[in-house]
Amino acid sequence: MVDISINDEKLVCAFNGRLDTVNCSKWEKELLDKVKESKIPVVFNLANVEYVASGFLRVCLQISKLAGNGNLELINMSDYVKKVFTLSGFDKYLNIQD
């Protein structure tokens, strides 16, 4: 569900499929640990994500706090996924790129 790598001094997380609460719980701890260890900016690539639920929104908030202000960037969102972030108001707190 998530492929984690380091590119250009950023921790890049490429997600796939449905990011519901059950799926997020499978890799959440590993991701949080990687962010704590790396202490570098984080990029969430959502190009292959078809669905996000509140569990993933919670993960985004946790990672944003761990990475520091402005050090989490969300890229390549579909219109549907972007709408979820907008309706929840997360677009005002997270760095969402077109």
N, C-alpha and C. Protein backbone atom coordinates (compact mmCIF):
# COMPACT_ATOMS: atom_id res chain seq x y z
N MET A 1 0.80 -1.21 0.00
CA MET A 1 0.00 0.00 0.00
C MET A 1 0.84 1.26 0.00
N VAL A 2 2.07 1.20 0.56
CA VAL A 2 2.93 2.38 0.54
C VAL A 2 4.37 1.95 0.27
N ASP A 3 5.00 2.68 -0.65
CA ASP A 3 6.40 2.46 -0.99
C ASP A 3 7.17 3.67 -0.47
N ILE A 4 8.14 3.45 0.41
CA ILE A 4 8.87 4.54 1.04
C ILE A 4 10.30 4.55 0.52
N SER A 5 10.75 5.73 0.06
CA SER A 5 12.12 5.88 -0.43
C SER A 5 12.61 7.29 -0.09
N ILE A 6 13.91 7.50 -0.26
CA ILE A 6 14.48 8.83 -0.05
C ILE A 6 15.01 9.32 -1.38
N ASN A 7 14.50 10.48 -1.82
CA ASN A 7 14.91 11.12 -3.07
C ASN A 7 15.14 12.60 -2.82
N ASP A 8 16.27 13.12 -3.25
CA ASP A 8 16.56 14.55 -3.13
C ASP A 8 16.34 15.07 -1.71
N GLU A 9 16.86 14.33 -0.74
CA GLU A 9 16.75 14.73 0.67
C GLU A 9 15.30 14.86 1.15
N LYS A 10 14.42 14.07 0.57
CA LYS A 10 13.02 14.02 1.00
C LYS A 10 12.62 12.56 1.16
N LEU A 11 11.78 12.30 2.16
CA LEU A 11 11.21 10.98 2.35
C LEU A 11 9.94 10.91 1.49
N VAL A 12 9.99 10.13 0.44
CA VAL A 12 8.89 10.06 -0.52
C VAL A 12 8.08 8.80 -0.25
N CYS A 13 6.79 8.98 -0.04
CA CYS A 13 5.87 7.89 0.24
C CYS A 13 4.85 7.82 -0.90
N ALA A 14 4.93 6.77 -1.70
CA ALA A 14 4.00 6.57 -2.81
C ALA A 14 2.92 5.58 -2.37
N PHE A 15 1.70 6.06 -2.34
CA PHE A 15 0.57 5.25 -1.87
C PHE A 15 -0.21 4.67 -3.05
N ASN A 16 -0.87 3.53 -2.80
CA ASN A 16 -1.67 2.87 -3.82
C ASN A 16 -3.01 2.42 -3.27
N GLY A 17 -4.03 2.48 -4.12
CA GLY A 17 -5.33 1.90 -3.79
C GLY A 17 -6.18 2.70 -2.83
N ARG A 18 -6.82 1.98 -1.93
CA ARG A 18 -7.75 2.56 -0.97
C ARG A 18 -7.04 2.82 0.35
N LEU A 19 -7.08 4.05 0.80
CA LEU A 19 -6.45 4.41 2.07
C LEU A 19 -7.53 4.55 3.14
N ASP A 20 -8.12 3.41 3.47
CA ASP A 20 -9.13 3.40 4.52
C ASP A 20 -8.46 3.08 5.85
N THR A 21 -9.21 3.07 6.91
CA THR A 21 -8.66 2.89 8.25
C THR A 21 -7.96 1.54 8.40
N VAL A 22 -8.53 0.49 7.86
CA VAL A 22 -7.93 -0.84 7.97
C VAL A 22 -6.58 -0.88 7.26
N ASN A 23 -6.52 -0.38 6.04
CA ASN A 23 -5.27 -0.39 5.29
C ASN A 23 -4.21 0.50 5.94
N CYS A 24 -4.61 1.66 6.42
CA CYS A 24 -3.66 2.58 7.06
C CYS A 24 -3.04 1.96 8.31
N SER A 25 -3.82 1.20 9.04
CA SER A 25 -3.30 0.60 10.27
C SER A 25 -2.19 -0.41 10.00
N LYS A 26 -2.12 -0.94 8.77
CA LYS A 26 -1.11 -1.93 8.41
C LYS A 26 0.29 -1.33 8.30
N TRP A 27 0.40 -0.07 7.91
CA TRP A 27 1.72 0.54 7.69
C TRP A 27 1.94 1.83 8.48
N GLU A 28 0.96 2.28 9.25
CA GLU A 28 1.05 3.55 9.96
C GLU A 28 2.27 3.63 10.88
N LYS A 29 2.48 2.63 11.73
CA LYS A 29 3.59 2.67 12.68
C LYS A 29 4.93 2.73 11.97
N GLU A 30 5.09 1.92 10.92
CA GLU A 30 6.34 1.93 10.16
C GLU A 30 6.61 3.32 9.57
N LEU A 31 5.58 3.94 9.03
CA LEU A 31 5.73 5.26 8.44
C LEU A 31 6.09 6.31 9.49
N LEU A 32 5.40 6.29 10.61
CA LEU A 32 5.69 7.23 11.70
C LEU A 32 7.13 7.07 12.18
N ASP A 33 7.59 5.83 12.31
CA ASP A 33 8.97 5.57 12.73
C ASP A 33 9.97 6.11 11.71
N LYS A 34 9.71 5.91 10.42
CA LYS A 34 10.60 6.40 9.36
C LYS A 34 10.71 7.92 9.40
N VAL A 35 9.59 8.60 9.61
CA VAL A 35 9.59 10.06 9.65
C VAL A 35 10.38 10.55 10.87
N LYS A 36 10.18 9.90 12.01
CA LYS A 36 10.94 10.26 13.22
C LYS A 36 12.43 10.08 13.00
N GLU A 37 12.83 8.98 12.38
CA GLU A 37 14.24 8.66 12.15
C GLU A 37 14.89 9.60 11.14
N SER A 38 14.20 9.89 10.05
CA SER A 38 14.82 10.60 8.93
C SER A 38 15.01 12.10 9.20
N LYS A 39 14.05 12.71 9.85
CA LYS A 39 14.12 14.15 10.15
C LYS A 39 14.35 14.99 8.89
N ILE A 40 13.74 14.58 7.79
CA ILE A 40 13.80 15.33 6.54
C ILE A 40 12.37 15.58 6.06
N PRO A 41 12.17 16.53 5.14
CA PRO A 41 10.82 16.77 4.61
C PRO A 41 10.19 15.51 4.01
N VAL A 42 8.87 15.44 4.05
CA VAL A 42 8.13 14.27 3.61
C VAL A 42 7.22 14.64 2.44
N VAL A 43 7.16 13.77 1.44
CA VAL A 43 6.28 13.93 0.29
C VAL A 43 5.36 12.72 0.21
N PHE A 44 4.06 12.97 0.16
CA PHE A 44 3.08 11.91 -0.07
C PHE A 44 2.64 12.00 -1.52
N ASN A 45 2.98 10.97 -2.32
CA ASN A 45 2.55 10.90 -3.70
C ASN A 45 1.26 10.08 -3.74
N LEU A 46 0.17 10.73 -4.12
CA LEU A 46 -1.15 10.09 -4.10
C LEU A 46 -1.67 9.79 -5.51
N ALA A 47 -0.77 9.67 -6.47
CA ALA A 47 -1.16 9.46 -7.87
C ALA A 47 -1.99 8.20 -8.07
N ASN A 48 -1.73 7.16 -7.30
CA ASN A 48 -2.42 5.88 -7.49
C ASN A 48 -3.43 5.59 -6.39
N VAL A 49 -3.93 6.63 -5.77
CA VAL A 49 -4.92 6.49 -4.68
C VAL A 49 -6.31 6.77 -5.23
N GLU A 50 -7.21 5.86 -4.94
CA GLU A 50 -8.58 6.01 -5.43
C GLU A 50 -9.57 6.43 -4.33
N TYR A 51 -9.15 6.30 -3.07
CA TYR A 51 -10.08 6.57 -1.96
C TYR A 51 -9.28 6.88 -0.71
N VAL A 52 -9.72 7.90 0.05
CA VAL A 52 -9.13 8.18 1.36
C VAL A 52 -10.24 8.28 2.39
N ALA A 53 -9.96 7.80 3.59
CA ALA A 53 -10.91 7.86 4.69
C ALA A 53 -10.29 8.65 5.83
N SER A 54 -11.04 8.81 6.89
CA SER A 54 -10.58 9.60 8.04
C SER A 54 -9.29 9.06 8.64
N GLY A 55 -9.07 7.76 8.55
CA GLY A 55 -7.83 7.17 9.06
C GLY A 55 -6.60 7.75 8.37
N PHE A 56 -6.69 7.98 7.07
CA PHE A 56 -5.57 8.56 6.35
C PHE A 56 -5.42 10.04 6.67
N LEU A 57 -6.52 10.73 6.85
CA LEU A 57 -6.44 12.15 7.24
C LEU A 57 -5.73 12.28 8.58
N ARG A 58 -6.01 11.38 9.49
CA ARG A 58 -5.34 11.38 10.80
C ARG A 58 -3.85 11.15 10.64
N VAL A 59 -3.47 10.21 9.76
CA VAL A 59 -2.06 9.95 9.50
C VAL A 59 -1.39 11.21 8.95
N CYS A 60 -2.05 11.90 8.06
CA CYS A 60 -1.50 13.14 7.49
C CYS A 60 -1.23 14.16 8.58
N LEU A 61 -2.15 14.31 9.52
CA LEU A 61 -1.94 15.26 10.62
C LEU A 61 -0.76 14.84 11.49
N GLN A 62 -0.68 13.56 11.80
CA GLN A 62 0.43 13.06 12.62
C GLN A 62 1.78 13.30 11.93
N ILE A 63 1.85 13.01 10.67
CA ILE A 63 3.10 13.18 9.92
C ILE A 63 3.44 14.66 9.81
N SER A 64 2.45 15.49 9.60
CA SER A 64 2.68 16.93 9.51
C SER A 64 3.29 17.46 10.81
N LYS A 65 2.79 17.00 11.93
CA LYS A 65 3.32 17.42 13.23
C LYS A 65 4.74 16.90 13.44
N LEU A 66 4.99 15.65 13.09
CA LEU A 66 6.32 15.06 13.25
C LEU A 66 7.35 15.71 12.33
N ALA A 67 6.97 15.97 11.10
CA ALA A 67 7.90 16.52 10.11
C ALA A 67 8.18 18.00 10.35
N GLY A 68 7.27 18.66 11.01
CA GLY A 68 7.43 20.09 11.26
C GLY A 68 6.62 20.92 10.29
N ASN A 69 6.37 22.13 10.66
CA ASN A 69 5.53 23.04 9.89
C ASN A 69 6.02 23.18 8.45
N GLY A 70 5.15 22.83 7.50
CA GLY A 70 5.46 22.98 6.09
C GLY A 70 6.33 21.90 5.50
N ASN A 71 6.66 20.86 6.26
CA ASN A 71 7.55 19.82 5.76
C ASN A 71 6.83 18.56 5.30
N LEU A 72 5.51 18.65 5.09
CA LEU A 72 4.76 17.56 4.47
C LEU A 72 4.10 18.13 3.23
N GLU A 73 4.38 17.51 2.09
CA GLU A 73 3.82 17.95 0.82
C GLU A 73 3.02 16.80 0.22
N LEU A 74 1.79 17.07 -0.20
CA LEU A 74 0.94 16.06 -0.83
C LEU A 74 0.84 16.40 -2.32
N ILE A 75 1.18 15.41 -3.16
CA ILE A 75 1.22 15.67 -4.60
C ILE A 75 0.39 14.64 -5.37
N ASN A 76 0.05 15.02 -6.61
CA ASN A 76 -0.60 14.12 -7.58
C ASN A 76 -1.93 13.55 -7.11
N MET A 77 -2.75 14.38 -6.50
CA MET A 77 -4.08 13.94 -6.05
C MET A 77 -5.08 13.95 -7.19
N SER A 78 -5.94 12.96 -7.22
CA SER A 78 -7.07 12.99 -8.15
C SER A 78 -8.05 14.05 -7.65
N ASP A 79 -8.96 14.46 -8.51
CA ASP A 79 -9.97 15.45 -8.11
C ASP A 79 -10.80 14.95 -6.94
N TYR A 80 -11.12 13.66 -6.95
CA TYR A 80 -11.93 13.09 -5.86
C TYR A 80 -11.19 13.17 -4.53
N VAL A 81 -9.93 12.76 -4.52
CA VAL A 81 -9.15 12.78 -3.28
C VAL A 81 -8.96 14.21 -2.80
N LYS A 82 -8.68 15.12 -3.72
CA LYS A 82 -8.51 16.53 -3.35
C LYS A 82 -9.81 17.08 -2.74
N LYS A 83 -10.94 16.64 -3.25
CA LYS A 83 -12.22 17.09 -2.72
C LYS A 83 -12.40 16.67 -1.26
N VAL A 84 -11.95 15.47 -0.91
CA VAL A 84 -12.03 15.00 0.48
C VAL A 84 -11.22 15.93 1.39
N PHE A 85 -10.02 16.28 0.96
CA PHE A 85 -9.17 17.18 1.75
C PHE A 85 -9.79 18.57 1.86
N THR A 86 -10.41 19.03 0.79
CA THR A 86 -11.04 20.35 0.79
C THR A 86 -12.27 20.38 1.69
N LEU A 87 -13.14 19.37 1.56
CA LEU A 87 -14.36 19.32 2.36
C LEU A 87 -14.06 19.19 3.85
N SER A 88 -12.97 18.52 4.18
CA SER A 88 -12.60 18.35 5.59
C SER A 88 -11.85 19.56 6.14
N GLY A 89 -11.45 20.48 5.26
CA GLY A 89 -10.72 21.67 5.68
C GLY A 89 -9.22 21.45 5.80
N PHE A 90 -8.75 20.27 5.46
CA PHE A 90 -7.33 19.96 5.58
C PHE A 90 -6.49 20.72 4.57
N ASP A 91 -7.11 21.19 3.49
CA ASP A 91 -6.36 21.95 2.49
C ASP A 91 -5.83 23.26 3.06
N LYS A 92 -6.39 23.72 4.16
CA LYS A 92 -5.93 24.96 4.80
C LYS A 92 -4.71 24.73 5.70
N TYR A 93 -4.47 23.49 6.08
CA TYR A 93 -3.38 23.16 7.01
C TYR A 93 -2.24 22.38 6.39
N LEU A 94 -2.50 21.73 5.27
CA LEU A 94 -1.49 20.89 4.64
C LEU A 94 -1.06 21.49 3.31
N ASN A 95 0.17 21.21 2.91
CA ASN A 95 0.74 21.71 1.65
C ASN A 95 0.33 20.78 0.52
N ILE A 96 -0.75 21.14 -0.18
CA ILE A 96 -1.29 20.31 -1.26
C ILE A 96 -0.91 20.96 -2.59
N GLN A 97 -0.19 20.20 -3.41
CA GLN A 97 0.26 20.68 -4.72
C GLN A 97 -0.63 20.14 -5.82
N ASP A 98 -0.79 20.94 -6.86
CA ASP A 98 -1.59 20.50 -8.02
C ASP A 98 -0.80 19.60 -8.92
